[in-house]
Amino acid sequence: MAFGLSFCSTGQRNVSNQTKNDPGMNKQSIHEFTVQTIDGDSLNLSVYKGKKILVVNTASKCGLTPQYKELEALYREFKDSNFVIVGFPANNFMAQEPGSDDEIAAFCSKNYGVSFPMMSKISVKGKDMHPVYEFLTSLSKNGLEDNEVKWNFQKYLIDENGFLVRVISPTTPPNDPEIISWIKSK
């Protein structure tokens, strides 16, 4: 099967609509998953149907950790516009998220006033990869592309129907015009 490819300004590969709509693909929605919140509660991601979602893997001891401030500002600005950020702490890169869920929650609150939903610490790569990240990184599941989590603070943009539409580099700030434009688009 031939894939139509294009490159966006972030250097990420996008697959054309022809491939994304291939009836042979078993495209999933993020709304199919239930996760554990950082407080230990169960959360079915279908509660976010109708909202755009920015999924991000986070870490407390990373050079990119100050992105928490920008993520929180973005969330506060657009949370009433059918937009939500969902953070997944992960310790996959140089052990930069060593804390427990309680320690991570306290760090996020104290240092950045994080109010967007944070989930329990997971693995975003490797043999113990969380099912949400299997969905986000596998073409056969997300219908968009195969990709890998390159570092902490990689961003995944999910549309109102729960489908992956774009992968954003960890070094791209949350307030990047491309992300803002996507949030504001109808």
N, C-alpha and C. Protein backbone atom coordinates (compact mmCIF):
# COMPACT_ATOMS: atom_id res chain seq x y z
N MET A 1 0.84 -1.17 0.00
CA MET A 1 0.00 0.00 0.00
C MET A 1 0.88 1.24 0.00
N ALA A 2 0.56 2.19 -0.84
CA ALA A 2 1.33 3.43 -0.90
C ALA A 2 0.77 4.42 0.10
N PHE A 3 1.65 5.14 0.76
CA PHE A 3 1.23 6.14 1.74
C PHE A 3 1.50 7.52 1.17
N GLY A 4 0.52 8.41 1.29
CA GLY A 4 0.73 9.80 0.91
C GLY A 4 1.33 10.52 2.10
N LEU A 5 2.51 11.08 1.95
CA LEU A 5 3.19 11.72 3.07
C LEU A 5 3.31 13.21 2.86
N SER A 6 3.24 13.94 3.95
CA SER A 6 3.54 15.36 3.92
C SER A 6 4.31 15.67 5.19
N PHE A 7 5.02 16.77 5.18
CA PHE A 7 5.78 17.16 6.36
C PHE A 7 5.28 18.50 6.83
N CYS A 8 4.99 18.59 8.12
CA CYS A 8 4.54 19.86 8.67
C CYS A 8 5.74 20.59 9.26
N SER A 9 5.50 21.79 9.74
CA SER A 9 6.60 22.63 10.20
C SER A 9 7.39 22.04 11.35
N THR A 10 6.81 21.08 12.07
CA THR A 10 7.54 20.47 13.18
C THR A 10 8.40 19.31 12.71
N GLY A 11 8.34 19.01 11.41
CA GLY A 11 9.12 17.90 10.89
C GLY A 11 8.45 16.56 11.12
N GLN A 12 7.23 16.56 11.61
CA GLN A 12 6.52 15.32 11.85
C GLN A 12 5.84 14.87 10.57
N ARG A 13 5.76 13.58 10.38
CA ARG A 13 5.17 12.99 9.19
C ARG A 13 3.66 12.86 9.40
N ASN A 14 2.90 13.26 8.40
CA ASN A 14 1.45 13.08 8.43
C ASN A 14 1.06 12.15 7.30
N VAL A 15 0.10 11.27 7.53
CA VAL A 15 -0.37 10.36 6.51
C VAL A 15 -1.62 10.97 5.89
N SER A 16 -1.74 10.87 4.57
CA SER A 16 -2.87 11.50 3.88
C SER A 16 -4.19 10.89 4.31
N ASN A 17 -5.28 11.61 4.02
CA ASN A 17 -6.62 11.14 4.35
C ASN A 17 -6.94 9.81 3.71
N GLN A 18 -6.39 9.56 2.53
CA GLN A 18 -6.64 8.29 1.86
C GLN A 18 -6.21 7.13 2.75
N THR A 19 -5.05 7.23 3.36
CA THR A 19 -4.55 6.17 4.23
C THR A 19 -5.32 6.14 5.54
N LYS A 20 -5.57 7.32 6.12
CA LYS A 20 -6.25 7.38 7.42
C LYS A 20 -7.65 6.77 7.34
N ASN A 21 -8.29 6.87 6.19
CA ASN A 21 -9.66 6.37 6.06
C ASN A 21 -9.73 4.99 5.45
N ASP A 22 -8.62 4.30 5.34
CA ASP A 22 -8.59 2.96 4.78
C ASP A 22 -9.47 2.04 5.63
N PRO A 23 -10.50 1.45 5.03
CA PRO A 23 -11.40 0.61 5.81
C PRO A 23 -10.72 -0.63 6.39
N GLY A 24 -9.55 -0.99 5.89
CA GLY A 24 -8.84 -2.16 6.39
C GLY A 24 -8.13 -1.90 7.72
N MET A 25 -8.04 -0.63 8.09
CA MET A 25 -7.36 -0.29 9.35
C MET A 25 -8.34 -0.38 10.51
N ASN A 26 -7.85 -0.84 11.65
CA ASN A 26 -8.66 -0.92 12.86
C ASN A 26 -8.34 0.29 13.71
N LYS A 27 -8.74 1.46 13.24
CA LYS A 27 -8.44 2.72 13.90
C LYS A 27 -9.21 2.82 15.22
N GLN A 28 -8.48 3.09 16.29
CA GLN A 28 -9.08 3.23 17.60
C GLN A 28 -9.25 4.70 17.96
N SER A 29 -9.98 4.94 19.02
CA SER A 29 -10.17 6.27 19.58
C SER A 29 -9.62 6.25 21.01
N ILE A 30 -9.07 7.36 21.43
CA ILE A 30 -8.57 7.44 22.81
C ILE A 30 -9.73 7.29 23.81
N HIS A 31 -10.94 7.53 23.34
CA HIS A 31 -12.12 7.41 24.20
C HIS A 31 -12.39 5.97 24.63
N GLU A 32 -11.71 5.01 24.02
CA GLU A 32 -11.89 3.60 24.35
C GLU A 32 -11.11 3.19 25.61
N PHE A 33 -10.27 4.08 26.13
CA PHE A 33 -9.37 3.72 27.22
C PHE A 33 -9.83 4.25 28.57
N THR A 34 -9.55 3.45 29.59
CA THR A 34 -9.75 3.87 30.98
C THR A 34 -8.37 3.90 31.62
N VAL A 35 -8.09 4.97 32.34
CA VAL A 35 -6.78 5.16 32.96
C VAL A 35 -6.97 5.45 34.45
N GLN A 36 -5.88 5.45 35.17
CA GLN A 36 -5.90 5.78 36.59
C GLN A 36 -5.38 7.19 36.77
N THR A 37 -6.11 8.01 37.52
CA THR A 37 -5.66 9.37 37.78
C THR A 37 -4.53 9.35 38.81
N ILE A 38 -3.86 10.46 38.94
CA ILE A 38 -2.76 10.57 39.89
C ILE A 38 -3.26 10.41 41.33
N ASP A 39 -4.57 10.62 41.53
CA ASP A 39 -5.19 10.44 42.85
C ASP A 39 -5.69 9.03 43.08
N GLY A 40 -5.51 8.14 42.08
CA GLY A 40 -5.88 6.74 42.23
C GLY A 40 -7.29 6.39 41.77
N ASP A 41 -8.00 7.36 41.20
CA ASP A 41 -9.34 7.09 40.70
C ASP A 41 -9.27 6.56 39.26
N SER A 42 -10.30 5.85 38.86
CA SER A 42 -10.42 5.35 37.50
C SER A 42 -11.08 6.43 36.65
N LEU A 43 -10.55 6.66 35.44
CA LEU A 43 -11.10 7.69 34.54
C LEU A 43 -11.25 7.10 33.15
N ASN A 44 -12.49 7.03 32.67
CA ASN A 44 -12.74 6.61 31.30
C ASN A 44 -12.55 7.85 30.43
N LEU A 45 -11.63 7.78 29.49
CA LEU A 45 -11.31 8.94 28.66
C LEU A 45 -12.46 9.35 27.75
N SER A 46 -13.53 8.56 27.71
CA SER A 46 -14.71 8.94 26.94
C SER A 46 -15.39 10.18 27.54
N VAL A 47 -15.04 10.55 28.78
CA VAL A 47 -15.59 11.77 29.38
C VAL A 47 -15.15 13.00 28.58
N TYR A 48 -14.13 12.84 27.75
CA TYR A 48 -13.61 13.96 26.97
C TYR A 48 -14.16 13.98 25.53
N LYS A 49 -15.17 13.16 25.25
CA LYS A 49 -15.80 13.21 23.92
C LYS A 49 -16.28 14.63 23.67
N GLY A 50 -16.01 15.12 22.45
CA GLY A 50 -16.40 16.48 22.09
C GLY A 50 -15.36 17.52 22.43
N LYS A 51 -14.26 17.11 23.06
CA LYS A 51 -13.19 18.05 23.40
C LYS A 51 -11.92 17.68 22.63
N LYS A 52 -11.14 18.69 22.30
CA LYS A 52 -9.79 18.45 21.79
C LYS A 52 -8.91 18.14 23.00
N ILE A 53 -8.01 17.19 22.83
CA ILE A 53 -7.16 16.76 23.93
C ILE A 53 -5.69 16.89 23.53
N LEU A 54 -4.90 17.47 24.40
CA LEU A 54 -3.45 17.46 24.25
C LEU A 54 -2.94 16.47 25.30
N VAL A 55 -2.38 15.36 24.84
CA VAL A 55 -1.79 14.36 25.74
C VAL A 55 -0.29 14.63 25.79
N VAL A 56 0.28 14.62 26.99
CA VAL A 56 1.70 14.91 27.16
C VAL A 56 2.29 14.02 28.23
N ASN A 57 3.47 13.45 27.96
CA ASN A 57 4.20 12.70 28.98
C ASN A 57 5.12 13.68 29.71
N THR A 58 5.07 13.64 31.02
CA THR A 58 5.75 14.66 31.83
C THR A 58 6.83 14.05 32.72
N ALA A 59 7.69 14.92 33.24
CA ALA A 59 8.74 14.52 34.18
C ALA A 59 9.13 15.74 35.02
N SER A 60 9.43 15.50 36.27
CA SER A 60 9.71 16.58 37.22
C SER A 60 11.16 17.03 37.27
N LYS A 61 12.08 16.23 36.71
CA LYS A 61 13.50 16.55 36.81
C LYS A 61 14.16 16.63 35.43
N CYS A 62 13.47 17.25 34.51
CA CYS A 62 13.91 17.33 33.11
C CYS A 62 14.17 18.79 32.76
N GLY A 63 15.03 19.02 31.81
CA GLY A 63 15.26 20.39 31.33
C GLY A 63 14.01 21.01 30.74
N LEU A 64 13.06 20.16 30.32
CA LEU A 64 11.81 20.67 29.75
C LEU A 64 10.69 20.81 30.80
N THR A 65 10.98 20.49 32.05
CA THR A 65 9.96 20.57 33.11
C THR A 65 9.28 21.93 33.19
N PRO A 66 9.98 23.06 32.92
CA PRO A 66 9.28 24.35 32.95
C PRO A 66 8.10 24.44 31.96
N GLN A 67 7.98 23.48 31.05
CA GLN A 67 6.81 23.49 30.17
C GLN A 67 5.52 23.31 30.96
N TYR A 68 5.59 22.80 32.17
CA TYR A 68 4.40 22.71 33.01
C TYR A 68 3.72 24.08 33.11
N LYS A 69 4.53 25.14 33.25
CA LYS A 69 3.97 26.50 33.38
C LYS A 69 3.18 26.87 32.13
N GLU A 70 3.75 26.60 30.95
CA GLU A 70 3.07 26.92 29.69
C GLU A 70 1.85 26.02 29.48
N LEU A 71 1.96 24.74 29.87
CA LEU A 71 0.82 23.84 29.74
C LEU A 71 -0.33 24.33 30.61
N GLU A 72 -0.03 24.72 31.84
CA GLU A 72 -1.08 25.21 32.74
C GLU A 72 -1.72 26.48 32.20
N ALA A 73 -0.91 27.40 31.66
CA ALA A 73 -1.45 28.63 31.08
C ALA A 73 -2.36 28.32 29.89
N LEU A 74 -1.93 27.39 29.05
CA LEU A 74 -2.73 26.97 27.89
C LEU A 74 -4.05 26.36 28.35
N TYR A 75 -3.98 25.50 29.35
CA TYR A 75 -5.18 24.86 29.88
C TYR A 75 -6.15 25.90 30.44
N ARG A 76 -5.65 26.82 31.23
CA ARG A 76 -6.52 27.84 31.83
C ARG A 76 -7.17 28.72 30.76
N GLU A 77 -6.41 29.02 29.70
CA GLU A 77 -6.95 29.88 28.65
C GLU A 77 -8.04 29.19 27.83
N PHE A 78 -7.90 27.88 27.58
CA PHE A 78 -8.81 27.21 26.65
C PHE A 78 -9.70 26.13 27.27
N LYS A 79 -9.63 25.90 28.58
CA LYS A 79 -10.40 24.81 29.18
C LYS A 79 -11.90 24.99 29.02
N ASP A 80 -12.36 26.21 28.85
CA ASP A 80 -13.79 26.45 28.65
C ASP A 80 -14.16 26.47 27.17
N SER A 81 -13.21 26.09 26.32
CA SER A 81 -13.44 26.05 24.86
C SER A 81 -13.30 24.64 24.32
N ASN A 82 -13.85 23.67 25.07
CA ASN A 82 -13.81 22.26 24.65
C ASN A 82 -12.38 21.76 24.41
N PHE A 83 -11.50 22.06 25.36
CA PHE A 83 -10.10 21.65 25.27
C PHE A 83 -9.65 21.17 26.65
N VAL A 84 -8.84 20.12 26.65
CA VAL A 84 -8.29 19.60 27.90
C VAL A 84 -6.86 19.10 27.66
N ILE A 85 -6.05 19.20 28.67
CA ILE A 85 -4.71 18.62 28.65
C ILE A 85 -4.73 17.44 29.60
N VAL A 86 -4.14 16.33 29.18
CA VAL A 86 -4.04 15.15 30.03
C VAL A 86 -2.56 14.80 30.15
N GLY A 87 -2.03 14.90 31.36
CA GLY A 87 -0.62 14.63 31.61
C GLY A 87 -0.40 13.22 32.12
N PHE A 88 0.62 12.57 31.56
CA PHE A 88 1.01 11.23 31.99
C PHE A 88 2.47 11.26 32.46
N PRO A 89 2.73 11.34 33.76
CA PRO A 89 4.11 11.27 34.23
C PRO A 89 4.74 9.93 33.82
N ALA A 90 6.00 9.99 33.42
CA ALA A 90 6.71 8.78 33.00
C ALA A 90 8.19 8.90 33.36
N ASN A 91 8.77 7.78 33.70
CA ASN A 91 10.17 7.75 34.13
C ASN A 91 11.06 7.05 33.10
N ASN A 92 10.72 7.19 31.82
CA ASN A 92 11.42 6.46 30.77
C ASN A 92 12.71 7.10 30.29
N PHE A 93 12.95 8.35 30.62
CA PHE A 93 14.11 9.04 30.07
C PHE A 93 15.03 9.52 31.19
N MET A 94 16.15 8.84 31.33
CA MET A 94 17.19 9.17 32.30
C MET A 94 16.64 9.30 33.73
N ALA A 95 15.64 8.50 34.06
CA ALA A 95 15.06 8.48 35.41
C ALA A 95 14.69 9.89 35.90
N GLN A 96 14.08 10.68 35.00
CA GLN A 96 13.76 12.06 35.33
C GLN A 96 12.40 12.24 36.00
N GLU A 97 11.70 11.12 36.25
CA GLU A 97 10.45 11.17 37.02
C GLU A 97 10.47 10.03 38.04
N PRO A 98 11.35 10.14 39.07
CA PRO A 98 11.51 9.05 40.03
C PRO A 98 10.43 8.99 41.11
N GLY A 99 9.65 10.07 41.28
CA GLY A 99 8.73 10.16 42.40
C GLY A 99 7.51 9.27 42.30
N SER A 100 6.83 9.13 43.45
CA SER A 100 5.54 8.43 43.52
C SER A 100 4.46 9.38 42.98
N ASP A 101 3.27 8.85 42.78
CA ASP A 101 2.16 9.70 42.33
C ASP A 101 1.93 10.85 43.30
N ASP A 102 1.97 10.57 44.60
CA ASP A 102 1.76 11.63 45.59
C ASP A 102 2.84 12.70 45.50
N GLU A 103 4.10 12.28 45.32
CA GLU A 103 5.20 13.24 45.21
C GLU A 103 5.08 14.06 43.93
N ILE A 104 4.70 13.42 42.83
CA ILE A 104 4.53 14.14 41.55
C ILE A 104 3.41 15.15 41.68
N ALA A 105 2.28 14.75 42.25
CA ALA A 105 1.14 15.66 42.42
C ALA A 105 1.53 16.87 43.26
N ALA A 106 2.25 16.63 44.35
CA ALA A 106 2.69 17.73 45.23
C ALA A 106 3.64 18.66 44.48
N PHE A 107 4.59 18.10 43.73
CA PHE A 107 5.54 18.90 42.95
C PHE A 107 4.80 19.78 41.94
N CYS A 108 3.87 19.19 41.19
CA CYS A 108 3.14 19.92 40.16
C CYS A 108 2.31 21.05 40.76
N SER A 109 1.68 20.78 41.87
CA SER A 109 0.85 21.78 42.53
C SER A 109 1.69 22.91 43.10
N LYS A 110 2.71 22.55 43.85
CA LYS A 110 3.55 23.55 44.53
C LYS A 110 4.32 24.43 43.56
N ASN A 111 4.92 23.82 42.54
CA ASN A 111 5.82 24.56 41.66
C ASN A 111 5.14 25.19 40.44
N TYR A 112 4.03 24.62 39.99
CA TYR A 112 3.42 25.11 38.75
C TYR A 112 1.92 25.32 38.85
N GLY A 113 1.31 25.04 39.97
CA GLY A 113 -0.12 25.24 40.13
C GLY A 113 -0.95 24.42 39.14
N VAL A 114 -0.46 23.24 38.80
CA VAL A 114 -1.11 22.41 37.77
C VAL A 114 -2.54 22.06 38.20
N SER A 115 -3.48 22.40 37.32
CA SER A 115 -4.88 22.07 37.56
C SER A 115 -5.45 21.18 36.45
N PHE A 116 -4.67 20.99 35.36
CA PHE A 116 -5.16 20.09 34.32
C PHE A 116 -5.03 18.65 34.80
N PRO A 117 -5.83 17.74 34.25
CA PRO A 117 -5.84 16.36 34.72
C PRO A 117 -4.48 15.67 34.58
N MET A 118 -4.01 15.12 35.68
CA MET A 118 -2.77 14.34 35.68
C MET A 118 -3.12 12.89 36.02
N MET A 119 -2.50 11.98 35.29
CA MET A 119 -2.75 10.56 35.48
C MET A 119 -1.65 9.95 36.33
N SER A 120 -1.85 8.71 36.71
CA SER A 120 -0.85 7.95 37.45
C SER A 120 0.38 7.73 36.57
N LYS A 121 1.54 7.64 37.19
CA LYS A 121 2.79 7.43 36.45
C LYS A 121 2.72 6.12 35.66
N ILE A 122 3.15 6.19 34.40
CA ILE A 122 3.12 5.03 33.49
C ILE A 122 4.44 4.92 32.75
N SER A 123 4.53 3.92 31.88
CA SER A 123 5.65 3.80 30.95
C SER A 123 5.14 4.17 29.56
N VAL A 124 5.91 5.00 28.84
CA VAL A 124 5.49 5.45 27.52
C VAL A 124 6.27 4.78 26.39
N LYS A 125 7.12 3.83 26.75
CA LYS A 125 7.86 3.07 25.74
C LYS A 125 8.35 1.76 26.35
N GLY A 126 8.80 0.86 25.49
CA GLY A 126 9.34 -0.41 25.97
C GLY A 126 8.28 -1.48 26.15
N LYS A 127 8.72 -2.58 26.75
CA LYS A 127 7.84 -3.75 26.93
C LYS A 127 6.66 -3.48 27.85
N ASP A 128 6.81 -2.53 28.77
CA ASP A 128 5.73 -2.22 29.70
C ASP A 128 4.97 -0.94 29.31
N MET A 129 5.01 -0.60 28.02
CA MET A 129 4.31 0.59 27.52
C MET A 129 2.82 0.51 27.86
N HIS A 130 2.28 1.61 28.36
CA HIS A 130 0.87 1.70 28.70
C HIS A 130 0.02 1.61 27.42
N PRO A 131 -1.15 0.97 27.48
CA PRO A 131 -2.00 0.84 26.29
C PRO A 131 -2.36 2.17 25.60
N VAL A 132 -2.50 3.26 26.36
CA VAL A 132 -2.77 4.55 25.72
C VAL A 132 -1.61 4.94 24.80
N TYR A 133 -0.39 4.67 25.25
CA TYR A 133 0.77 5.02 24.42
C TYR A 133 0.98 4.02 23.30
N GLU A 134 0.54 2.78 23.47
CA GLU A 134 0.54 1.84 22.34
C GLU A 134 -0.36 2.40 21.24
N PHE A 135 -1.52 2.93 21.63
CA PHE A 135 -2.44 3.57 20.68
C PHE A 135 -1.79 4.79 20.03
N LEU A 136 -1.20 5.66 20.83
CA LEU A 136 -0.64 6.91 20.30
C LEU A 136 0.53 6.68 19.35
N THR A 137 1.27 5.59 19.52
CA THR A 137 2.50 5.38 18.74
C THR A 137 2.39 4.35 17.62
N SER A 138 1.23 3.74 17.45
CA SER A 138 1.10 2.66 16.46
C SER A 138 0.09 3.00 15.37
N LEU A 139 0.56 3.06 14.13
CA LEU A 139 -0.30 3.33 12.97
C LEU A 139 -1.49 2.39 12.94
N SER A 140 -1.28 1.12 13.24
CA SER A 140 -2.36 0.14 13.18
C SER A 140 -3.46 0.44 14.20
N LYS A 141 -3.15 1.23 15.22
CA LYS A 141 -4.15 1.56 16.25
C LYS A 141 -4.66 2.99 16.11
N ASN A 142 -3.78 3.93 15.76
CA ASN A 142 -4.20 5.34 15.70
C ASN A 142 -4.61 5.80 14.31
N GLY A 143 -4.28 5.02 13.27
CA GLY A 143 -4.68 5.37 11.92
C GLY A 143 -3.94 6.53 11.30
N LEU A 144 -2.98 7.12 12.01
CA LEU A 144 -2.24 8.28 11.49
C LEU A 144 -0.80 7.93 11.14
N GLU A 145 -0.07 7.39 12.12
CA GLU A 145 1.34 7.12 11.89
C GLU A 145 1.94 6.26 12.99
N ASP A 146 3.03 5.58 12.63
CA ASP A 146 3.90 4.96 13.62
C ASP A 146 4.85 6.05 14.09
N ASN A 147 5.08 6.13 15.38
CA ASN A 147 6.03 7.10 15.93
C ASN A 147 6.53 6.56 17.25
N GLU A 148 7.51 7.21 17.79
CA GLU A 148 7.99 6.83 19.12
C GLU A 148 8.09 8.07 19.98
N VAL A 149 7.95 7.88 21.27
CA VAL A 149 8.11 8.98 22.20
C VAL A 149 9.60 9.25 22.29
N LYS A 150 10.00 10.44 21.85
CA LYS A 150 11.42 10.77 21.77
C LYS A 150 11.99 11.26 23.11
N TRP A 151 11.15 11.90 23.94
CA TRP A 151 11.63 12.45 25.21
C TRP A 151 10.43 12.88 26.03
N ASN A 152 10.68 13.38 27.23
CA ASN A 152 9.63 13.95 28.07
C ASN A 152 8.99 15.14 27.35
N PHE A 153 7.73 15.34 27.58
CA PHE A 153 6.95 16.46 27.07
C PHE A 153 6.67 16.39 25.56
N GLN A 154 6.63 15.17 25.01
CA GLN A 154 6.14 15.00 23.64
C GLN A 154 4.62 15.18 23.70
N LYS A 155 4.08 15.86 22.71
CA LYS A 155 2.66 16.19 22.73
C LYS A 155 1.91 15.48 21.61
N TYR A 156 0.72 15.00 21.95
CA TYR A 156 -0.16 14.34 20.99
C TYR A 156 -1.46 15.11 20.94
N LEU A 157 -1.86 15.53 19.75
CA LEU A 157 -3.11 16.28 19.59
C LEU A 157 -4.19 15.32 19.13
N ILE A 158 -5.27 15.29 19.89
CA ILE A 158 -6.38 14.37 19.66
C ILE A 158 -7.63 15.21 19.36
N ASP A 159 -8.36 14.84 18.29
CA ASP A 159 -9.55 15.61 17.94
C ASP A 159 -10.75 15.28 18.83
N GLU A 160 -11.86 15.95 18.58
CA GLU A 160 -13.05 15.80 19.40
C GLU A 160 -13.64 14.38 19.39
N ASN A 161 -13.30 13.62 18.36
CA ASN A 161 -13.78 12.23 18.26
C ASN A 161 -12.80 11.23 18.85
N GLY A 162 -11.69 11.72 19.41
CA GLY A 162 -10.72 10.85 20.06
C GLY A 162 -9.64 10.32 19.14
N PHE A 163 -9.53 10.90 17.93
CA PHE A 163 -8.54 10.41 16.96
C PHE A 163 -7.28 11.27 16.96
N LEU A 164 -6.14 10.61 16.86
CA LEU A 164 -4.86 11.31 16.78
C LEU A 164 -4.77 12.09 15.48
N VAL A 165 -4.42 13.37 15.59
CA VAL A 165 -4.29 14.20 14.39
C VAL A 165 -2.88 14.75 14.19
N ARG A 166 -2.07 14.81 15.26
CA ARG A 166 -0.73 15.37 15.10
C ARG A 166 0.14 14.98 16.28
N VAL A 167 1.43 14.78 15.99
CA VAL A 167 2.44 14.52 17.02
C VAL A 167 3.37 15.72 17.03
N ILE A 168 3.60 16.27 18.22
CA ILE A 168 4.41 17.49 18.37
C ILE A 168 5.67 17.16 19.17
N SER A 169 6.79 17.64 18.69
CA SER A 169 8.10 17.42 19.31
C SER A 169 8.13 17.87 20.77
N PRO A 170 8.88 17.15 21.62
CA PRO A 170 9.01 17.55 23.02
C PRO A 170 9.54 18.98 23.20
N THR A 171 10.40 19.43 22.29
CA THR A 171 11.00 20.76 22.45
C THR A 171 10.09 21.88 21.96
N THR A 172 9.02 21.55 21.28
CA THR A 172 8.06 22.58 20.85
C THR A 172 7.27 23.02 22.07
N PRO A 173 7.28 24.32 22.36
CA PRO A 173 6.58 24.79 23.56
C PRO A 173 5.06 24.64 23.41
N PRO A 174 4.36 24.44 24.52
CA PRO A 174 2.91 24.28 24.47
C PRO A 174 2.18 25.47 23.87
N ASN A 175 2.76 26.66 23.96
CA ASN A 175 2.11 27.84 23.41
C ASN A 175 2.55 28.15 21.98
N ASP A 176 3.10 27.16 21.28
CA ASP A 176 3.51 27.32 19.89
C ASP A 176 2.29 27.70 19.04
N PRO A 177 2.46 28.60 18.08
CA PRO A 177 1.34 29.02 17.24
C PRO A 177 0.61 27.85 16.56
N GLU A 178 1.33 26.80 16.20
CA GLU A 178 0.70 25.64 15.56
C GLU A 178 -0.31 24.99 16.51
N ILE A 179 0.04 24.88 17.78
CA ILE A 179 -0.86 24.27 18.77
C ILE A 179 -2.04 25.19 19.04
N ILE A 180 -1.78 26.48 19.22
CA ILE A 180 -2.85 27.46 19.48
C ILE A 180 -3.83 27.47 18.30
N SER A 181 -3.31 27.47 17.09
CA SER A 181 -4.15 27.48 15.90
C SER A 181 -5.03 26.23 15.86
N TRP A 182 -4.46 25.09 16.19
CA TRP A 182 -5.22 23.84 16.20
C TRP A 182 -6.33 23.90 17.25
N ILE A 183 -6.05 24.40 18.43
CA ILE A 183 -7.06 24.50 19.48
C ILE A 183 -8.22 25.37 19.01
N LYS A 184 -7.90 26.50 18.36
CA LYS A 184 -8.92 27.46 17.94
C LYS A 184 -9.68 27.03 16.69
N SER A 185 -9.13 26.10 15.92
CA SER A 185 -9.79 25.68 14.68
C SER A 185 -11.09 24.96 14.96
N LYS A 186 -12.01 25.09 14.03
CA LYS A 186 -13.33 24.44 14.19
C LYS A 186 -13.32 23.06 13.59
